[in-house]
Amino acid sequence: MARGGFARTDRVAALLRREVAVLVHEDVRAQLLPEVSVSDVEVSRDLAVAKVFVTALKPEDAKPALAILKEEAKRYRQVLSKALSLRMVPELRFHYDDSVDRGERIDQLLRGER
């Protein structure tokens, strides 16, 4: 643990979550991406890889959005390397965060809906 109780990986993850969310939001507004948002970022201990978790407003948009995000990952990394004061920006790997979908399904089941 570093000063303040947060490991460097946690600080880098929070920074990336904020900055990648801005890039994704810009692409959503430009209609390059379906309606998605960044829900979390996990960074490896060596800071080489960042798992970026995204949620989709409509679950059916998840696969097309992930395909586009995976194509854009290199461009996002280049933009981040110019904007951030990090020695090395981690490789961005996008994953769909289905926790919202699972939560809605559980809620439906609890309400007795099928």
PDB file of N, CA and C in Angstrom:
ATOM      1  N   MET A   1       0.833  -1.190   0.000  1.00  0.00           N
ATOM      2  CA  MET A   1       0.000   0.000   0.000  1.00  0.00           C
ATOM      3  C   MET A   1       0.877   1.253   0.000  1.00  0.00           C
ATOM      4  N   ALA A   2       0.446   2.182  -0.764  1.00  0.00           N
ATOM      5  CA  ALA A   2       1.155   3.458  -0.854  1.00  0.00           C
ATOM      6  C   ALA A   2       0.526   4.451   0.104  1.00  0.00           C
ATOM      7  N   ARG A   3       1.036   5.650   0.056  1.00  0.00           N
ATOM      8  CA  ARG A   3       0.500   6.694   0.930  1.00  0.00           C
ATOM      9  C   ARG A   3      -0.994   6.874   0.687  1.00  0.00           C
ATOM     10  N   GLY A   4      -1.724   7.243   1.713  1.00  0.00           N
ATOM     11  CA  GLY A   4      -3.144   7.482   1.570  1.00  0.00           C
ATOM     12  C   GLY A   4      -3.985   6.226   1.550  1.00  0.00           C
ATOM     13  N   GLY A   5      -3.364   5.045   1.633  1.00  0.00           N
ATOM     14  CA  GLY A   5      -4.122   3.813   1.678  1.00  0.00           C
ATOM     15  C   GLY A   5      -4.518   3.261   0.318  1.00  0.00           C
ATOM     16  N   PHE A   6      -4.107   3.893  -0.769  1.00  0.00           N
ATOM     17  CA  PHE A   6      -4.453   3.405  -2.102  1.00  0.00           C
ATOM     18  C   PHE A   6      -3.198   2.962  -2.832  1.00  0.00           C
ATOM     19  N   ALA A   7      -3.263   1.802  -3.428  1.00  0.00           N
ATOM     20  CA  ALA A   7      -2.148   1.318  -4.231  1.00  0.00           C
ATOM     21  C   ALA A   7      -2.090   2.112  -5.533  1.00  0.00           C
ATOM     22  N   ARG A   8      -0.935   2.131  -6.140  1.00  0.00           N
ATOM     23  CA  ARG A   8      -0.769   2.839  -7.416  1.00  0.00           C
ATOM     24  C   ARG A   8      -1.749   2.290  -8.452  1.00  0.00           C
ATOM     25  N   THR A   9      -1.963   0.983  -8.449  1.00  0.00           N
ATOM     26  CA  THR A   9      -2.888   0.403  -9.435  1.00  0.00           C
ATOM     27  C   THR A   9      -4.299   0.973  -9.268  1.00  0.00           C
ATOM     28  N   ASP A  10      -4.704   1.220  -8.021  1.00  0.00           N
ATOM     29  CA  ASP A  10      -6.032   1.801  -7.776  1.00  0.00           C
ATOM     30  C   ASP A  10      -6.113   3.230  -8.302  1.00  0.00           C
ATOM     31  N   ARG A  11      -5.057   3.991  -8.090  1.00  0.00           N
ATOM     32  CA  ARG A  11      -5.045   5.378  -8.578  1.00  0.00           C
ATOM     33  C   ARG A  11      -5.049   5.430 -10.105  1.00  0.00           C
ATOM     34  N   VAL A  12      -4.254   4.554 -10.736  1.00  0.00           N
ATOM     35  CA  VAL A  12      -4.211   4.508 -12.195  1.00  0.00           C
ATOM     36  C   VAL A  12      -5.562   4.039 -12.741  1.00  0.00           C
ATOM     37  N   ALA A  13      -6.176   3.062 -12.084  1.00  0.00           N
ATOM     38  CA  ALA A  13      -7.485   2.559 -12.520  1.00  0.00           C
ATOM     39  C   ALA A  13      -8.538   3.673 -12.455  1.00  0.00           C
ATOM     40  N   ALA A  14      -8.537   4.444 -11.378  1.00  0.00           N
ATOM     41  CA  ALA A  14      -9.500   5.541 -11.236  1.00  0.00           C
ATOM     42  C   ALA A  14      -9.273   6.606 -12.314  1.00  0.00           C
ATOM     43  N   LEU A  15      -8.015   6.918 -12.579  1.00  0.00           N
ATOM     44  CA  LEU A  15      -7.679   7.895 -13.612  1.00  0.00           C
ATOM     45  C   LEU A  15      -8.136   7.396 -14.982  1.00  0.00           C
ATOM     46  N   LEU A  16      -7.840   6.155 -15.293  1.00  0.00           N
ATOM     47  CA  LEU A  16      -8.241   5.591 -16.579  1.00  0.00           C
ATOM     48  C   LEU A  16      -9.758   5.508 -16.712  1.00  0.00           C
ATOM     49  N   ARG A  17     -10.432   5.139 -15.622  1.00  0.00           N
ATOM     50  CA  ARG A  17     -11.903   5.050 -15.659  1.00  0.00           C
ATOM     51  C   ARG A  17     -12.486   6.409 -16.056  1.00  0.00           C
ATOM     52  N   ARG A  18     -11.974   7.454 -15.458  1.00  0.00           N
ATOM     53  CA  ARG A  18     -12.466   8.806 -15.744  1.00  0.00           C
ATOM     54  C   ARG A  18     -12.147   9.211 -17.196  1.00  0.00           C
ATOM     55  N   GLU A  19     -10.922   8.996 -17.619  1.00  0.00           N
ATOM     56  CA  GLU A  19     -10.494   9.459 -18.941  1.00  0.00           C
ATOM     57  C   GLU A  19     -11.067   8.610 -20.073  1.00  0.00           C
ATOM     58  N   VAL A  20     -11.125   7.296 -19.898  1.00  0.00           N
ATOM     59  CA  VAL A  20     -11.703   6.430 -20.935  1.00  0.00           C
ATOM     60  C   VAL A  20     -13.202   6.705 -21.040  1.00  0.00           C
ATOM     61  N   ALA A  21     -13.852   6.976 -19.908  1.00  0.00           N
ATOM     62  CA  ALA A  21     -15.288   7.294 -19.930  1.00  0.00           C
ATOM     63  C   ALA A  21     -15.553   8.527 -20.789  1.00  0.00           C
ATOM     64  N   VAL A  22     -14.675   9.515 -20.716  1.00  0.00           N
ATOM     65  CA  VAL A  22     -14.825  10.725 -21.534  1.00  0.00           C
ATOM     66  C   VAL A  22     -14.697  10.373 -23.020  1.00  0.00           C
ATOM     67  N   LEU A  23     -13.702   9.563 -23.365  1.00  0.00           N
ATOM     68  CA  LEU A  23     -13.495   9.178 -24.763  1.00  0.00           C
ATOM     69  C   LEU A  23     -14.689   8.379 -25.293  1.00  0.00           C
ATOM     70  N   VAL A  24     -15.175   7.443 -24.493  1.00  0.00           N
ATOM     71  CA  VAL A  24     -16.320   6.627 -24.899  1.00  0.00           C
ATOM     72  C   VAL A  24     -17.553   7.508 -25.057  1.00  0.00           C
ATOM     73  N   HIS A  25     -17.759   8.417 -24.110  1.00  0.00           N
ATOM     74  CA  HIS A  25     -18.916   9.314 -24.176  1.00  0.00           C
ATOM     75  C   HIS A  25     -18.871  10.174 -25.449  1.00  0.00           C
ATOM     76  N   GLU A  26     -17.678  10.659 -25.800  1.00  0.00           N
ATOM     77  CA  GLU A  26     -17.529  11.454 -27.026  1.00  0.00           C
ATOM     78  C   GLU A  26     -17.920  10.634 -28.251  1.00  0.00           C
ATOM     79  N   ASP A  27     -17.524   9.362 -28.284  1.00  0.00           N
ATOM     80  CA  ASP A  27     -17.860   8.508 -29.427  1.00  0.00           C
ATOM     81  C   ASP A  27     -19.346   8.161 -29.448  1.00  0.00           C
ATOM     82  N   VAL A  28     -19.972   8.035 -28.283  1.00  0.00           N
ATOM     83  CA  VAL A  28     -21.415   7.796 -28.225  1.00  0.00           C
ATOM     84  C   VAL A  28     -22.144   9.023 -28.766  1.00  0.00           C
ATOM     85  N   ARG A  29     -21.721  10.199 -28.332  1.00  0.00           N
ATOM     86  CA  ARG A  29     -22.365  11.449 -28.799  1.00  0.00           C
ATOM     87  C   ARG A  29     -22.184  11.655 -30.291  1.00  0.00           C
ATOM     88  N   ALA A  30     -21.045  11.220 -30.828  1.00  0.00           N
ATOM     89  CA  ALA A  30     -20.786  11.348 -32.268  1.00  0.00           C
ATOM     90  C   ALA A  30     -21.461  10.210 -33.043  1.00  0.00           C
ATOM     91  N   GLN A  31     -22.189   9.384 -32.358  1.00  0.00           N
ATOM     92  CA  GLN A  31     -22.922   8.248 -32.918  1.00  0.00           C
ATOM     93  C   GLN A  31     -22.007   7.223 -33.577  1.00  0.00           C
ATOM     94  N   LEU A  32     -20.776   7.144 -33.089  1.00  0.00           N
ATOM     95  CA  LEU A  32     -19.850   6.113 -33.560  1.00  0.00           C
ATOM     96  C   LEU A  32     -20.050   4.829 -32.770  1.00  0.00           C
ATOM     97  N   LEU A  33     -20.691   4.961 -31.610  1.00  0.00           N
ATOM     98  CA  LEU A  33     -20.899   3.837 -30.694  1.00  0.00           C
ATOM     99  C   LEU A  33     -22.353   3.798 -30.250  1.00  0.00           C
ATOM    100  N   PRO A  34     -22.886   2.579 -30.009  1.00  0.00           N
ATOM    101  CA  PRO A  34     -24.196   2.500 -29.341  1.00  0.00           C
ATOM    102  C   PRO A  34     -24.083   3.080 -27.931  1.00  0.00           C
ATOM    103  N   GLU A  35     -25.188   3.278 -27.269  1.00  0.00           N
ATOM    104  CA  GLU A  35     -25.234   3.879 -25.932  1.00  0.00           C
ATOM    105  C   GLU A  35     -24.589   2.948 -24.903  1.00  0.00           C
ATOM    106  N   VAL A  36     -23.321   3.219 -24.578  1.00  0.00           N
ATOM    107  CA  VAL A  36     -22.588   2.448 -23.566  1.00  0.00           C
ATOM    108  C   VAL A  36     -21.891   3.409 -22.621  1.00  0.00           C
ATOM    109  N   SER A  37     -21.525   2.896 -21.459  1.00  0.00           N
ATOM    110  CA  SER A  37     -20.754   3.700 -20.522  1.00  0.00           C
ATOM    111  C   SER A  37     -19.756   2.806 -19.790  1.00  0.00           C
ATOM    112  N   VAL A  38     -18.698   3.426 -19.308  1.00  0.00           N
ATOM    113  CA  VAL A  38     -17.654   2.703 -18.574  1.00  0.00           C
ATOM    114  C   VAL A  38     -18.110   2.524 -17.136  1.00  0.00           C
ATOM    115  N   SER A  39     -18.124   1.269 -16.671  1.00  0.00           N
ATOM    116  CA  SER A  39     -18.569   1.011 -15.303  1.00  0.00           C
ATOM    117  C   SER A  39     -17.401   0.792 -14.343  1.00  0.00           C
ATOM    118  N   ASP A  40     -16.291   0.257 -14.846  1.00  0.00           N
ATOM    119  CA  ASP A  40     -15.161  -0.006 -13.964  1.00  0.00           C
ATOM    120  C   ASP A  40     -13.903  -0.228 -14.791  1.00  0.00           C
ATOM    121  N   VAL A  41     -12.755  -0.069 -14.158  1.00  0.00           N
ATOM    122  CA  VAL A  41     -11.467  -0.377 -14.773  1.00  0.00           C
ATOM    123  C   VAL A  41     -10.626  -1.094 -13.723  1.00  0.00           C
ATOM    124  N   GLU A  42     -10.023  -2.200 -14.125  1.00  0.00           N
ATOM    125  CA  GLU A  42      -9.090  -2.933 -13.264  1.00  0.00           C
ATOM    126  C   GLU A  42      -7.738  -2.948 -13.960  1.00  0.00           C
ATOM    127  N   VAL A  43      -6.693  -2.582 -13.231  1.00  0.00           N
ATOM    128  CA  VAL A  43      -5.356  -2.517 -13.804  1.00  0.00           C
ATOM    129  C   VAL A  43      -4.506  -3.635 -13.208  1.00  0.00           C
ATOM    130  N   SER A  44      -3.715  -4.291 -14.063  1.00  0.00           N
ATOM    131  CA  SER A  44      -2.826  -5.352 -13.588  1.00  0.00           C
ATOM    132  C   SER A  44      -1.751  -4.758 -12.683  1.00  0.00           C
ATOM    133  N   ARG A  45      -1.159  -5.603 -11.854  1.00  0.00           N
ATOM    134  CA  ARG A  45      -0.156  -5.126 -10.892  1.00  0.00           C
ATOM    135  C   ARG A  45       1.026  -4.453 -11.556  1.00  0.00           C
ATOM    136  N   ASP A  46       1.387  -4.943 -12.759  1.00  0.00           N
ATOM    137  CA  ASP A  46       2.536  -4.353 -13.459  1.00  0.00           C
ATOM    138  C   ASP A  46       2.137  -3.157 -14.328  1.00  0.00           C
ATOM    139  N   LEU A  47       0.867  -2.766 -14.264  1.00  0.00           N
ATOM    140  CA  LEU A  47       0.321  -1.618 -14.992  1.00  0.00           C
ATOM    141  C   LEU A  47       0.395  -1.781 -16.511  1.00  0.00           C
ATOM    142  N   ALA A  48       0.523  -3.019 -16.987  1.00  0.00           N
ATOM    143  CA  ALA A  48       0.641  -3.256 -18.421  1.00  0.00           C
ATOM    144  C   ALA A  48      -0.717  -3.395 -19.106  1.00  0.00           C
ATOM    145  N   VAL A  49      -1.727  -3.876 -18.359  1.00  0.00           N
ATOM    146  CA  VAL A  49      -3.037  -4.150 -18.952  1.00  0.00           C
ATOM    147  C   VAL A  49      -4.133  -3.551 -18.078  1.00  0.00           C
ATOM    148  N   ALA A  50      -5.117  -2.942 -18.735  1.00  0.00           N
ATOM    149  CA  ALA A  50      -6.288  -2.424 -18.022  1.00  0.00           C
ATOM    150  C   ALA A  50      -7.533  -3.088 -18.607  1.00  0.00           C
ATOM    151  N   LYS A  51      -8.295  -3.749 -17.755  1.00  0.00           N
ATOM    152  CA  LYS A  51      -9.583  -4.295 -18.166  1.00  0.00           C
ATOM    153  C   LYS A  51     -10.607  -3.180 -17.981  1.00  0.00           C
ATOM    154  N   VAL A  52     -11.256  -2.798 -19.077  1.00  0.00           N
ATOM    155  CA  VAL A  52     -12.245  -1.727 -19.039  1.00  0.00           C
ATOM    156  C   VAL A  52     -13.622  -2.381 -19.180  1.00  0.00           C
ATOM    157  N   PHE A  53     -14.448  -2.254 -18.153  1.00  0.00           N
ATOM    158  CA  PHE A  53     -15.776  -2.856 -18.161  1.00  0.00           C
ATOM    159  C   PHE A  53     -16.796  -1.805 -18.587  1.00  0.00           C
ATOM    160  N   VAL A  54     -17.651  -2.192 -19.542  1.00  0.00           N
ATOM    161  CA  VAL A  54     -18.673  -1.276 -20.032  1.00  0.00           C
ATOM    162  C   VAL A  54     -20.053  -1.907 -19.880  1.00  0.00           C
ATOM    163  N   THR A  55     -21.051  -1.045 -19.700  1.00  0.00           N
ATOM    164  CA  THR A  55     -22.443  -1.481 -19.672  1.00  0.00           C
ATOM    165  C   THR A  55     -23.154  -0.817 -20.849  1.00  0.00           C
ATOM    166  N   ALA A  56     -24.182  -1.482 -21.341  1.00  0.00           N
ATOM    167  CA  ALA A  56     -24.946  -0.951 -22.462  1.00  0.00           C
ATOM    168  C   ALA A  56     -26.344  -0.601 -21.992  1.00  0.00           C
ATOM    169  N   LEU A  57     -26.871   0.494 -22.527  1.00  0.00           N
ATOM    170  CA  LEU A  57     -28.229   0.898 -22.195  1.00  0.00           C
ATOM    171  C   LEU A  57     -29.204  -0.197 -22.626  1.00  0.00           C
ATOM    172  N   LYS A  58     -28.969  -0.739 -23.812  1.00  0.00           N
ATOM    173  CA  LYS A  58     -29.757  -1.871 -24.320  1.00  0.00           C
ATOM    174  C   LYS A  58     -28.815  -3.069 -24.415  1.00  0.00           C
ATOM    175  N   PRO A  59     -29.122  -4.173 -23.734  1.00  0.00           N
ATOM    176  CA  PRO A  59     -28.219  -5.339 -23.762  1.00  0.00           C
ATOM    177  C   PRO A  59     -27.896  -5.831 -25.171  1.00  0.00           C
ATOM    178  N   GLU A  60     -28.817  -5.652 -26.118  1.00  0.00           N
ATOM    179  CA  GLU A  60     -28.555  -6.109 -27.485  1.00  0.00           C
ATOM    180  C   GLU A  60     -27.474  -5.266 -28.179  1.00  0.00           C
ATOM    181  N   ASP A  61     -27.159  -4.108 -27.629  1.00  0.00           N
ATOM    182  CA  ASP A  61     -26.096  -3.262 -28.189  1.00  0.00           C
ATOM    183  C   ASP A  61     -24.708  -3.653 -27.698  1.00  0.00           C
ATOM    184  N   ALA A  62     -24.641  -4.557 -26.742  1.00  0.00           N
ATOM    185  CA  ALA A  62     -23.371  -4.894 -26.100  1.00  0.00           C
ATOM    186  C   ALA A  62     -22.341  -5.449 -27.081  1.00  0.00           C
ATOM    187  N   LYS A  63     -22.728  -6.453 -27.868  1.00  0.00           N
ATOM    188  CA  LYS A  63     -21.755  -7.079 -28.775  1.00  0.00           C
ATOM    189  C   LYS A  63     -21.240  -6.116 -29.838  1.00  0.00           C
ATOM    190  N   PRO A  64     -22.138  -5.379 -30.532  1.00  0.00           N
ATOM    191  CA  PRO A  64     -21.606  -4.425 -31.517  1.00  0.00           C
ATOM    192  C   PRO A  64     -20.725  -3.352 -30.872  1.00  0.00           C
ATOM    193  N   ALA A  65     -21.103  -2.903 -29.697  1.00  0.00           N
ATOM    194  CA  ALA A  65     -20.309  -1.879 -29.009  1.00  0.00           C
ATOM    195  C   ALA A  65     -18.935  -2.410 -28.640  1.00  0.00           C
ATOM    196  N   LEU A  66     -18.881  -3.635 -28.123  1.00  0.00           N
ATOM    197  CA  LEU A  66     -17.581  -4.221 -27.758  1.00  0.00           C
ATOM    198  C   LEU A  66     -16.683  -4.373 -28.977  1.00  0.00           C
ATOM    199  N   ALA A  67     -17.261  -4.771 -30.094  1.00  0.00           N
ATOM    200  CA  ALA A  67     -16.463  -4.922 -31.315  1.00  0.00           C
ATOM    201  C   ALA A  67     -15.848  -3.579 -31.707  1.00  0.00           C
ATOM    202  N   ILE A  68     -16.637  -2.515 -31.648  1.00  0.00           N
ATOM    203  CA  ILE A  68     -16.132  -1.180 -31.995  1.00  0.00           C
ATOM    204  C   ILE A  68     -15.071  -0.734 -30.988  1.00  0.00           C
ATOM    205  N   LEU A  69     -15.341  -0.949 -29.693  1.00  0.00           N
ATOM    206  CA  LEU A  69     -14.380  -0.546 -28.660  1.00  0.00           C
ATOM    207  C   LEU A  69     -13.049  -1.273 -28.815  1.00  0.00           C
ATOM    208  N   LYS A  70     -13.110  -2.539 -29.153  1.00  0.00           N
ATOM    209  CA  LYS A  70     -11.860  -3.300 -29.339  1.00  0.00           C
ATOM    210  C   LYS A  70     -11.072  -2.751 -30.517  1.00  0.00           C
ATOM    211  N   GLU A  71     -11.775  -2.301 -31.560  1.00  0.00           N
ATOM    212  CA  GLU A  71     -11.098  -1.684 -32.702  1.00  0.00           C
ATOM    213  C   GLU A  71     -10.487  -0.332 -32.316  1.00  0.00           C
ATOM    214  N   GLU A  72     -11.166   0.396 -31.451  1.00  0.00           N
ATOM    215  CA  GLU A  72     -10.739   1.744 -31.055  1.00  0.00           C
ATOM    216  C   GLU A  72      -9.712   1.746 -29.922  1.00  0.00           C
ATOM    217  N   ALA A  73      -9.448   0.604 -29.314  1.00  0.00           N
ATOM    218  CA  ALA A  73      -8.576   0.534 -28.126  1.00  0.00           C
ATOM    219  C   ALA A  73      -7.207   1.165 -28.370  1.00  0.00           C
ATOM    220  N   LYS A  74      -6.623   0.884 -29.516  1.00  0.00           N
ATOM    221  CA  LYS A  74      -5.288   1.429 -29.808  1.00  0.00           C
ATOM    222  C   LYS A  74      -5.346   2.965 -29.913  1.00  0.00           C
ATOM    223  N   ARG A  75      -6.381   3.486 -30.585  1.00  0.00           N
ATOM    224  CA  ARG A  75      -6.519   4.951 -30.707  1.00  0.00           C
ATOM    225  C   ARG A  75      -6.728   5.590 -29.340  1.00  0.00           C
ATOM    226  N   TYR A  76      -7.591   4.970 -28.514  1.00  0.00           N
ATOM    227  CA  TYR A  76      -7.813   5.496 -27.159  1.00  0.00           C
ATOM    228  C   TYR A  76      -6.497   5.540 -26.385  1.00  0.00           C
ATOM    229  N   ARG A  77      -5.718   4.476 -26.507  1.00  0.00           N
ATOM    230  CA  ARG A  77      -4.441   4.407 -25.778  1.00  0.00           C
ATOM    231  C   ARG A  77      -3.506   5.527 -26.240  1.00  0.00           C
ATOM    232  N   GLN A  78      -3.483   5.798 -27.539  1.00  0.00           N
ATOM    233  CA  GLN A  78      -2.631   6.875 -28.061  1.00  0.00           C
ATOM    234  C   GLN A  78      -3.082   8.237 -27.535  1.00  0.00           C
ATOM    235  N   VAL A  79      -4.397   8.465 -27.523  1.00  0.00           N
ATOM    236  CA  VAL A  79      -4.934   9.728 -27.003  1.00  0.00           C
ATOM    237  C   VAL A  79      -4.579   9.871 -25.521  1.00  0.00           C
ATOM    238  N   LEU A  80      -4.741   8.786 -24.776  1.00  0.00           N
ATOM    239  CA  LEU A  80      -4.438   8.813 -23.336  1.00  0.00           C
ATOM    240  C   LEU A  80      -2.956   9.065 -23.089  1.00  0.00           C
ATOM    241  N   SER A  81      -2.094   8.491 -23.918  1.00  0.00           N
ATOM    242  CA  SER A  81      -0.649   8.669 -23.704  1.00  0.00           C
ATOM    243  C   SER A  81      -0.247  10.132 -23.870  1.00  0.00           C
ATOM    244  N   LYS A  82      -0.978  10.861 -24.716  1.00  0.00           N
ATOM    245  CA  LYS A  82      -0.682  12.287 -24.900  1.00  0.00           C
ATOM    246  C   LYS A  82      -1.305  13.132 -23.792  1.00  0.00           C
ATOM    247  N   ALA A  83      -2.412  12.661 -23.226  1.00  0.00           N
ATOM    248  CA  ALA A  83      -3.153  13.462 -22.244  1.00  0.00           C
ATOM    249  C   ALA A  83      -2.718  13.215 -20.799  1.00  0.00           C
ATOM    250  N   LEU A  84      -2.182  12.034 -20.522  1.00  0.00           N
ATOM    251  CA  LEU A  84      -1.855  11.672 -19.141  1.00  0.00           C
ATOM    252  C   LEU A  84      -0.359  11.690 -18.899  1.00  0.00           C
ATOM    253  N   SER A  85       0.002  11.930 -17.667  1.00  0.00           N
ATOM    254  CA  SER A  85       1.425  11.930 -17.319  1.00  0.00           C
ATOM    255  C   SER A  85       1.803  10.577 -16.709  1.00  0.00           C
ATOM    256  N   LEU A  86       1.607   9.536 -17.503  1.00  0.00           N
ATOM    257  CA  LEU A  86       2.014   8.195 -17.091  1.00  0.00           C
ATOM    258  C   LEU A  86       3.194   7.770 -17.961  1.00  0.00           C
ATOM    259  N   ARG A  87       4.134   7.041 -17.373  1.00  0.00           N
ATOM    260  CA  ARG A  87       5.264   6.548 -18.158  1.00  0.00           C
ATOM    261  C   ARG A  87       4.779   5.672 -19.300  1.00  0.00           C
ATOM    262  N   MET A  88       3.816   4.795 -18.956  1.00  0.00           N
ATOM    263  CA  MET A  88       3.261   3.888 -19.946  1.00  0.00           C
ATOM    264  C   MET A  88       1.761   3.760 -19.702  1.00  0.00           C
ATOM    265  N   VAL A  89       0.972   3.954 -20.729  1.00  0.00           N
ATOM    266  CA  VAL A  89      -0.470   3.758 -20.614  1.00  0.00           C
ATOM    267  C   VAL A  89      -0.743   2.279 -20.849  1.00  0.00           C
ATOM    268  N   PRO A  90      -1.486   1.640 -19.947  1.00  0.00           N
ATOM    269  CA  PRO A  90      -1.746   0.206 -20.107  1.00  0.00           C
ATOM    270  C   PRO A  90      -2.514  -0.107 -21.391  1.00  0.00           C
ATOM    271  N   GLU A  91      -2.330  -1.332 -21.874  1.00  0.00           N
ATOM    272  CA  GLU A  91      -3.122  -1.823 -22.998  1.00  0.00           C
ATOM    273  C   GLU A  91      -4.568  -1.907 -22.523  1.00  0.00           C
ATOM    274  N   LEU A  92      -5.506  -1.397 -23.314  1.00  0.00           N
ATOM    275  CA  LEU A  92      -6.917  -1.390 -22.929  1.00  0.00           C
ATOM    276  C   LEU A  92      -7.617  -2.621 -23.493  1.00  0.00           C
ATOM    277  N   ARG A  93      -8.237  -3.390 -22.621  1.00  0.00           N
ATOM    278  CA  ARG A  93      -9.019  -4.562 -23.027  1.00  0.00           C
ATOM    279  C   ARG A  93     -10.445  -4.367 -22.538  1.00  0.00           C
ATOM    280  N   PHE A  94     -11.372  -4.322 -23.473  1.00  0.00           N
ATOM    281  CA  PHE A  94     -12.767  -4.036 -23.142  1.00  0.00           C
ATOM    282  C   PHE A  94     -13.549  -5.319 -22.881  1.00  0.00           C
ATOM    283  N   HIS A  95     -14.390  -5.262 -21.844  1.00  0.00           N
ATOM    284  CA  HIS A  95     -15.241  -6.384 -21.447  1.00  0.00           C
ATOM    285  C   HIS A  95     -16.629  -5.853 -21.126  1.00  0.00           C
ATOM    286  N   TYR A  96     -17.638  -6.688 -21.402  1.00  0.00           N
ATOM    287  CA  TYR A  96     -19.002  -6.285 -21.073  1.00  0.00           C
ATOM    288  C   TYR A  96     -19.285  -6.602 -19.610  1.00  0.00           C
ATOM    289  N   ASP A  97     -19.821  -5.637 -18.893  1.00  0.00           N
ATOM    290  CA  ASP A  97     -20.193  -5.808 -17.481  1.00  0.00           C
ATOM    291  C   ASP A  97     -21.677  -6.147 -17.437  1.00  0.00           C
ATOM    292  N   ASP A  98     -21.981  -7.417 -17.207  1.00  0.00           N
ATOM    293  CA  ASP A  98     -23.379  -7.853 -17.230  1.00  0.00           C
ATOM    294  C   ASP A  98     -24.042  -7.797 -15.856  1.00  0.00           C
ATOM    295  N   SER A  99     -23.407  -7.165 -14.894  1.00  0.00           N
ATOM    296  CA  SER A  99     -23.970  -7.122 -13.533  1.00  0.00           C
ATOM    297  C   SER A  99     -25.309  -6.387 -13.498  1.00  0.00           C
ATOM    298  N   VAL A 100     -25.462  -5.347 -14.319  1.00  0.00           N
ATOM    299  CA  VAL A 100     -26.735  -4.617 -14.359  1.00  0.00           C
ATOM    300  C   VAL A 100     -27.829  -5.524 -14.925  1.00  0.00           C
ATOM    301  N   ASP A 101     -27.504  -6.233 -15.997  1.00  0.00           N
ATOM    302  CA  ASP A 101     -28.470  -7.161 -16.594  1.00  0.00           C
ATOM    303  C   ASP A 101     -28.873  -8.248 -15.598  1.00  0.00           C
ATOM    304  N   ARG A 102     -27.874  -8.807 -14.898  1.00  0.00           N
ATOM    305  CA  ARG A 102     -28.173  -9.847 -13.911  1.00  0.00           C
ATOM    306  C   ARG A 102     -29.018  -9.296 -12.777  1.00  0.00           C
ATOM    307  N   GLY A 103     -28.731  -8.075 -12.341  1.00  0.00           N
ATOM    308  CA  GLY A 103     -29.514  -7.445 -11.275  1.00  0.00           C
ATOM    309  C   GLY A 103     -30.960  -7.232 -11.689  1.00  0.00           C
ATOM    310  N   GLU A 104     -31.166  -6.784 -12.931  1.00  0.00           N
ATOM    311  CA  GLU A 104     -32.531  -6.594 -13.425  1.00  0.00           C
ATOM    312  C   GLU A 104     -33.274  -7.926 -13.502  1.00  0.00           C
ATOM    313  N   ARG A 105     -32.574  -8.967 -13.928  1.00  0.00           N
ATOM    314  CA  ARG A 105     -33.192 -10.299 -14.031  1.00  0.00           C
ATOM    315  C   ARG A 105     -33.593 -10.800 -12.640  1.00  0.00           C
ATOM    316  N   ILE A 106     -32.737 -10.620 -11.659  1.00  0.00           N
ATOM    317  CA  ILE A 106     -33.055 -11.026 -10.283  1.00  0.00           C
ATOM    318  C   ILE A 106     -34.243 -10.244  -9.778  1.00  0.00           C
ATOM    319  N   ASP A 107     -34.264  -8.943 -10.054  1.00  0.00           N
ATOM    320  CA  ASP A 107     -35.383  -8.091  -9.651  1.00  0.00           C
ATOM    321  C   ASP A 107     -36.703  -8.583 -10.270  1.00  0.00           C
ATOM    322  N   GLN A 108     -36.667  -8.950 -11.543  1.00  0.00           N
ATOM    323  CA  GLN A 108     -37.851  -9.480 -12.222  1.00  0.00           C
ATOM    324  C   GLN A 108     -38.327 -10.772 -11.541  1.00  0.00           C
ATOM    325  N   LEU A 109     -37.374 -11.639 -11.218  1.00  0.00           N
ATOM    326  CA  LEU A 109     -37.719 -12.905 -10.591  1.00  0.00           C
ATOM    327  C   LEU A 109     -38.338 -12.675  -9.215  1.00  0.00           C
ATOM    328  N   LEU A 110     -37.793 -11.712  -8.472  1.00  0.00           N
ATOM    329  CA  LEU A 110     -38.328 -11.409  -7.140  1.00  0.00           C
ATOM    330  C   LEU A 110     -39.730 -10.834  -7.207  1.00  0.00           C
ATOM    331  N   ARG A 111     -40.022 -10.111  -8.302  1.00  0.00           N
ATOM    332  CA  ARG A 111     -41.358  -9.564  -8.483  1.00  0.00           C
ATOM    333  C   ARG A 111     -42.329 -10.567  -9.103  1.00  0.00           C
ATOM    334  N   GLY A 112     -41.822 -11.752  -9.425  1.00  0.00           N
ATOM    335  CA  GLY A 112     -42.661 -12.799  -9.974  1.00  0.00           C
ATOM    336  C   GLY A 112     -42.904 -12.689 -11.461  1.00  0.00           C
ATOM    337  N   GLU A 113     -42.088 -11.889 -12.154  1.00  0.00           N
ATOM    338  CA  GLU A 113     -42.209 -11.771 -13.611  1.00  0.00           C
ATOM    339  C   GLU A 113     -41.351 -12.821 -14.269  1.00  0.00           C
ATOM    340  N   ARG A 114     -41.706 -13.205 -15.449  1.00  0.00           N
ATOM    341  CA  ARG A 114     -40.908 -14.198 -16.186  1.00  0.00           C
ATOM    342  C   ARG A 114     -40.196 -13.543 -17.288  1.00  0.00           C
TER     343      ARG A 114
END
